[in-house]
Amino acid sequence: MELLTGYGPLLIFLIVVALAFDFLNGLHDAANSIATIVATRVLPPFAAVAWAAFFNFIAFLFFGLHVAKTVGSGIVMPELISDGLIFSALIGAIGWNLLT
């Protein structure tokens, strides 16, 4: 825990911003994935959400953590990442989700 000494408030703020991004990203993507089906009245909203949840779960069962492992295996260079870069990326992504 010596590594985190002095980073308490910054770490908590980063976690809050990351959770806000995760919530908004899920909200944004979920709406995009079922909008056409609901707008064309192919399925009612409840059924569309149920199908989307079902297939998201099935996709996780089949593909698991392959994407996360790929990203963690050399695509991103950790020595280039700073606190400012992480905050900037999260704030930019949150802004993009809110504006689009």
Protein backbone atom coordinates (compact mmCIF):
# COMPACT_ATOMS: atom_id res chain seq x y z
CA MET A 1 0.00 0.00 0.00
CA GLU A 2 3.02 2.31 0.12
CA LEU A 3 2.65 2.74 -3.61
CA LEU A 4 -0.76 4.41 -3.18
CA THR A 5 0.28 6.80 -0.40
CA GLY A 6 -0.92 10.28 -1.31
CA TYR A 7 -3.09 9.08 -4.19
CA GLY A 8 -6.24 8.40 -2.15
CA PRO A 9 -8.46 11.28 -3.33
CA LEU A 10 -7.11 11.08 -6.88
CA LEU A 11 -7.71 7.34 -7.04
CA ILE A 12 -11.25 7.70 -5.68
CA PHE A 13 -11.99 10.45 -8.22
CA LEU A 14 -10.59 8.30 -11.04
CA ILE A 15 -12.79 5.39 -9.99
CA VAL A 16 -15.88 7.64 -9.88
CA VAL A 17 -15.11 9.04 -13.34
CA ALA A 18 -14.49 5.52 -14.71
CA LEU A 19 -17.79 4.28 -13.28
CA ALA A 20 -19.61 7.29 -14.76
CA PHE A 21 -18.07 6.48 -18.15
CA ASP A 22 -19.02 2.82 -17.84
CA PHE A 23 -22.62 3.70 -16.99
CA LEU A 24 -22.96 6.23 -19.82
CA ASN A 25 -21.26 3.92 -22.31
CA GLY A 26 -23.64 1.09 -21.44
CA LEU A 27 -26.61 3.45 -21.63
CA HIS A 28 -25.47 4.75 -25.02
CA ASP A 29 -24.67 1.34 -26.53
CA ALA A 30 -27.79 -0.36 -25.21
CA ALA A 31 -29.99 2.29 -26.78
CA ASN A 32 -28.18 2.00 -30.11
CA SER A 33 -28.42 -1.77 -30.18
CA ILE A 34 -32.21 -1.94 -29.80
CA ALA A 35 -33.38 1.39 -31.26
CA THR A 36 -34.13 0.10 -34.75
CA ILE A 37 -35.97 -2.98 -33.51
CA VAL A 38 -38.21 -0.91 -31.22
CA ALA A 39 -38.71 1.98 -33.67
CA THR A 40 -39.87 -0.36 -36.44
CA ARG A 41 -42.15 -2.15 -33.96
CA VAL A 42 -40.57 -5.53 -34.62
CA LEU A 43 -40.40 -6.10 -30.85
CA PRO A 44 -41.82 -4.22 -27.89
CA PRO A 45 -39.20 -2.46 -25.71
CA PHE A 46 -39.22 -5.08 -22.94
CA ALA A 47 -38.67 -7.96 -25.36
CA ALA A 48 -35.91 -6.05 -27.19
CA VAL A 49 -34.07 -5.39 -23.92
CA ALA A 50 -34.49 -9.02 -22.88
CA TRP A 51 -33.06 -10.26 -26.20
CA ALA A 52 -30.16 -7.81 -26.00
CA ALA A 53 -29.33 -8.90 -22.45
CA PHE A 54 -29.56 -12.57 -23.42
CA PHE A 55 -27.23 -12.25 -26.40
CA ASN A 56 -24.75 -10.08 -24.47
CA PHE A 57 -24.56 -12.84 -21.88
CA ILE A 58 -24.19 -15.53 -24.56
CA ALA A 59 -21.40 -13.53 -26.24
CA PHE A 60 -19.54 -13.35 -22.93
CA LEU A 61 -19.90 -17.11 -22.46
CA PHE A 62 -18.47 -17.83 -25.91
CA PHE A 63 -15.80 -15.15 -26.15
CA GLY A 64 -15.01 -14.51 -22.48
CA LEU A 65 -12.19 -12.10 -21.86
CA HIS A 66 -10.42 -12.44 -25.23
CA VAL A 67 -10.69 -8.74 -26.06
CA ALA A 68 -9.41 -7.67 -22.64
CA LYS A 69 -6.52 -10.13 -22.90
CA THR A 70 -5.64 -8.84 -26.37
CA VAL A 71 -5.60 -5.22 -25.22
CA GLY A 72 -3.54 -6.20 -22.18
CA SER A 73 -0.97 -8.13 -24.20
CA GLY A 74 1.01 -5.38 -25.84
CA ILE A 75 -1.32 -3.11 -27.77
CA VAL A 76 -1.13 -0.47 -25.05
CA MET A 77 2.34 0.53 -23.81
CA PRO A 78 2.07 1.16 -20.03
CA GLU A 79 5.11 3.45 -19.95
CA LEU A 80 3.26 6.00 -22.11
CA ILE A 81 0.20 6.20 -19.86
CA SER A 82 -0.10 8.96 -17.27
CA ASP A 83 -2.83 10.10 -14.89
CA GLY A 84 -3.61 13.03 -17.16
CA LEU A 85 -3.96 10.77 -20.18
CA ILE A 86 -6.41 8.50 -18.37
CA PHE A 87 -8.52 11.42 -17.12
CA SER A 88 -8.47 13.08 -20.55
CA ALA A 89 -9.54 9.89 -22.30
CA LEU A 90 -12.37 9.26 -19.83
CA ILE A 91 -13.64 12.86 -19.94
CA GLY A 92 -13.44 12.88 -23.75
CA ALA A 93 -15.33 9.58 -23.97
CA ILE A 94 -17.98 10.79 -21.52
CA GLY A 95 -18.41 13.97 -23.56
CA TRP A 96 -18.68 11.97 -26.78
CA ASN A 97 -21.34 9.71 -25.27
CA LEU A 98 -23.35 12.70 -24.06
CA LEU A 99 -23.13 14.57 -27.38
CA THR A 100 -23.88 11.69 -29.74
